[in-house]
């Protein structure tokens, strides 16, 4: 009597399938969450940089020296 190993792989097919689905969903969720996180922080950083540029005396001094020349 010969035993076939294909039945053992067939029995593992649902487990392997859901493990693969889990890995794909995990990668997509990390990508989506990091995209949302960085997009939220990017707007705050841009607002802070704009307010720092307006309040910075170096940029005002440079602009006034350029106007004088």
N, C-alpha and C. Protein backbone atom coordinates (compact mmCIF):
# COMPACT_ATOMS: atom_id res chain seq x y z
N UNK A 1 0.84 -1.18 0.00
CA UNK A 1 0.00 0.00 0.00
C UNK A 1 0.89 1.24 0.00
N UNK A 2 0.61 2.15 -0.91
CA UNK A 2 1.40 3.38 -1.03
C UNK A 2 0.62 4.55 -0.43
N UNK A 3 1.31 5.36 0.34
CA UNK A 3 0.69 6.55 0.92
C UNK A 3 1.02 7.76 0.05
N UNK A 4 0.06 8.58 -0.16
CA UNK A 4 0.27 9.79 -0.95
C UNK A 4 0.47 10.98 -0.02
N UNK A 5 1.48 11.77 -0.31
CA UNK A 5 1.74 12.94 0.53
C UNK A 5 0.90 14.13 0.07
N UNK A 6 0.25 14.01 -1.07
CA UNK A 6 -0.54 15.12 -1.60
C UNK A 6 -1.75 15.40 -0.71
N UNK A 7 -2.28 14.40 -0.04
CA UNK A 7 -3.43 14.63 0.84
C UNK A 7 -3.03 15.47 2.05
N UNK A 8 -1.80 15.31 2.53
CA UNK A 8 -1.34 16.12 3.66
C UNK A 8 -1.22 17.59 3.26
N UNK A 9 -0.72 17.83 2.07
CA UNK A 9 -0.62 19.21 1.59
C UNK A 9 -2.01 19.78 1.33
N UNK A 10 -2.90 18.96 0.83
CA UNK A 10 -4.27 19.40 0.61
C UNK A 10 -4.97 19.76 1.90
N UNK A 11 -4.63 19.05 2.97
CA UNK A 11 -5.23 19.36 4.27
C UNK A 11 -4.68 20.68 4.82
N UNK A 12 -3.47 21.02 4.46
CA UNK A 12 -2.87 22.27 4.94
C UNK A 12 -3.22 23.47 4.07
N UNK A 13 -3.86 23.24 2.95
CA UNK A 13 -4.15 24.32 2.01
C UNK A 13 -4.94 25.46 2.64
N UNK A 14 -6.03 25.21 3.39
CA UNK A 14 -6.75 26.33 4.00
C UNK A 14 -5.89 27.12 5.00
N UNK A 15 -5.07 26.42 5.75
CA UNK A 15 -4.21 27.09 6.74
C UNK A 15 -3.18 27.96 6.02
N UNK A 16 -2.57 27.41 4.98
CA UNK A 16 -1.58 28.18 4.22
C UNK A 16 -2.23 29.37 3.51
N UNK A 17 -3.44 29.17 3.01
CA UNK A 17 -4.15 30.26 2.34
C UNK A 17 -4.43 31.41 3.31
N UNK A 18 -4.97 31.10 4.48
CA UNK A 18 -5.29 32.16 5.43
C UNK A 18 -4.04 32.78 6.04
N UNK A 19 -2.96 32.03 6.14
CA UNK A 19 -1.69 32.62 6.59
C UNK A 19 -1.18 33.62 5.55
N UNK A 20 -1.32 33.28 4.28
CA UNK A 20 -0.92 34.21 3.21
C UNK A 20 -1.80 35.44 3.19
N UNK A 21 -3.10 35.25 3.36
CA UNK A 21 -4.02 36.39 3.42
C UNK A 21 -3.68 37.28 4.61
N UNK A 22 -3.35 36.68 5.75
CA UNK A 22 -2.99 37.45 6.93
C UNK A 22 -1.75 38.30 6.69
N UNK A 23 -0.75 37.73 6.04
CA UNK A 23 0.49 38.47 5.75
C UNK A 23 0.21 39.65 4.82
N UNK A 24 -0.59 39.42 3.78
CA UNK A 24 -0.90 40.48 2.82
C UNK A 24 -1.69 41.60 3.52
N UNK A 25 -2.67 41.24 4.31
CA UNK A 25 -3.48 42.25 5.02
C UNK A 25 -2.62 43.01 6.02
N UNK A 26 -1.71 42.32 6.68
CA UNK A 26 -0.82 42.98 7.64
C UNK A 26 0.07 44.01 6.95
N UNK A 27 0.62 43.66 5.79
CA UNK A 27 1.46 44.60 5.05
C UNK A 27 0.65 45.81 4.56
N UNK A 28 -0.55 45.56 4.03
CA UNK A 28 -1.40 46.67 3.59
C UNK A 28 -1.80 47.57 4.75
N UNK A 29 -2.12 46.98 5.90
CA UNK A 29 -2.53 47.80 7.04
C UNK A 29 -1.37 48.66 7.55
N UNK A 30 -0.16 48.11 7.56
CA UNK A 30 1.00 48.90 7.96
C UNK A 30 1.21 50.05 6.98
N UNK A 31 1.09 49.78 5.69
CA UNK A 31 1.26 50.81 4.68
C UNK A 31 0.20 51.90 4.82
N UNK A 32 -1.05 51.52 5.00
CA UNK A 32 -2.14 52.48 5.11
C UNK A 32 -2.01 53.31 6.38
N UNK A 33 -1.72 52.65 7.51
CA UNK A 33 -1.59 53.38 8.77
C UNK A 33 -0.39 54.33 8.75
N UNK A 34 0.72 53.90 8.18
CA UNK A 34 1.88 54.79 8.12
C UNK A 34 1.63 55.96 7.18
N UNK A 35 0.88 55.73 6.10
CA UNK A 35 0.54 56.83 5.19
C UNK A 35 -0.33 57.85 5.88
N UNK A 36 -1.32 57.39 6.63
CA UNK A 36 -2.19 58.31 7.37
C UNK A 36 -1.39 59.06 8.43
N UNK A 37 -0.52 58.35 9.14
CA UNK A 37 0.28 58.97 10.19
C UNK A 37 1.19 60.06 9.63
N UNK A 38 1.90 59.74 8.55
CA UNK A 38 2.82 60.72 7.98
C UNK A 38 2.08 61.89 7.32
N UNK A 39 0.91 61.63 6.78
CA UNK A 39 0.16 62.74 6.18
C UNK A 39 -0.36 63.69 7.25
N UNK A 40 -0.75 63.16 8.39
CA UNK A 40 -1.20 64.03 9.49
C UNK A 40 -0.04 64.84 10.05
N UNK A 41 1.11 64.23 10.19
CA UNK A 41 2.27 64.94 10.72
C UNK A 41 2.86 65.90 9.70
N UNK A 42 2.72 65.65 8.44
CA UNK A 42 3.27 66.53 7.42
C UNK A 42 2.55 67.87 7.42
N UNK A 43 1.25 67.88 7.64
CA UNK A 43 0.53 69.15 7.66
C UNK A 43 0.92 69.97 8.87
N UNK A 44 1.13 69.33 10.00
CA UNK A 44 1.56 70.06 11.19
C UNK A 44 2.96 70.62 11.00
N UNK A 45 3.84 69.86 10.38
CA UNK A 45 5.20 70.32 10.14
C UNK A 45 5.22 71.50 9.16
N UNK A 46 4.41 71.44 8.14
CA UNK A 46 4.37 72.53 7.17
C UNK A 46 3.84 73.81 7.81
N UNK A 47 2.85 73.69 8.67
CA UNK A 47 2.30 74.86 9.37
C UNK A 47 3.35 75.46 10.29
N UNK A 48 4.08 74.62 11.00
CA UNK A 48 5.11 75.11 11.92
C UNK A 48 6.22 75.79 11.13
N UNK A 49 6.64 75.21 10.01
CA UNK A 49 7.71 75.81 9.21
C UNK A 49 7.28 77.16 8.64
N UNK A 50 6.03 77.28 8.21
CA UNK A 50 5.55 78.56 7.68
C UNK A 50 5.53 79.62 8.76
N UNK A 51 5.09 79.26 9.97
CA UNK A 51 5.05 80.25 11.05
C UNK A 51 6.45 80.62 11.50
N UNK A 52 7.40 79.69 11.44
CA UNK A 52 8.78 80.01 11.81
C UNK A 52 9.41 80.94 10.77
N UNK A 53 9.08 80.77 9.50
CA UNK A 53 9.64 81.63 8.47
C UNK A 53 9.13 83.05 8.61
N UNK A 54 7.87 83.21 8.99
CA UNK A 54 7.32 84.55 9.15
C UNK A 54 7.93 85.26 10.35
N UNK A 55 8.22 84.51 11.41
CA UNK A 55 8.73 85.11 12.63
C UNK A 55 10.25 85.20 12.65
N UNK A 56 10.94 84.61 11.71
CA UNK A 56 12.39 84.57 11.71
C UNK A 56 12.96 85.93 11.31
N UNK A 57 13.84 86.50 12.14
CA UNK A 57 14.45 87.79 11.78
C UNK A 57 15.49 87.66 10.67
N UNK A 58 16.04 86.47 10.47
CA UNK A 58 17.06 86.29 9.44
C UNK A 58 16.45 86.48 8.06
N UNK A 59 15.28 85.93 7.82
CA UNK A 59 14.67 86.08 6.50
C UNK A 59 14.25 87.52 6.26
N UNK A 60 13.79 88.21 7.30
CA UNK A 60 13.40 89.61 7.13
C UNK A 60 14.62 90.48 6.85
N UNK A 61 15.73 90.22 7.52
CA UNK A 61 16.95 90.98 7.31
C UNK A 61 17.47 90.76 5.89
N UNK A 62 17.48 89.51 5.45
CA UNK A 62 17.96 89.20 4.11
C UNK A 62 17.09 89.88 3.05
N UNK A 63 15.80 89.87 3.27
CA UNK A 63 14.91 90.49 2.30
C UNK A 63 15.12 92.01 2.28
N UNK A 64 15.33 92.61 3.44
CA UNK A 64 15.50 94.06 3.46
C UNK A 64 16.85 94.47 2.84
N UNK A 65 17.90 93.66 3.00
CA UNK A 65 19.17 93.95 2.37
C UNK A 65 19.09 93.82 0.86
N UNK A 66 18.32 92.88 0.39
CA UNK A 66 18.14 92.72 -1.05
C UNK A 66 17.38 93.89 -1.63
N UNK A 67 16.44 94.45 -0.90
CA UNK A 67 15.68 95.59 -1.38
C UNK A 67 16.55 96.85 -1.44
N UNK A 68 17.49 96.99 -0.52
CA UNK A 68 18.33 98.18 -0.47
C UNK A 68 19.30 98.21 -1.65
N UNK A 69 19.83 97.08 -2.03
CA UNK A 69 20.80 97.04 -3.14
C UNK A 69 20.07 97.30 -4.40
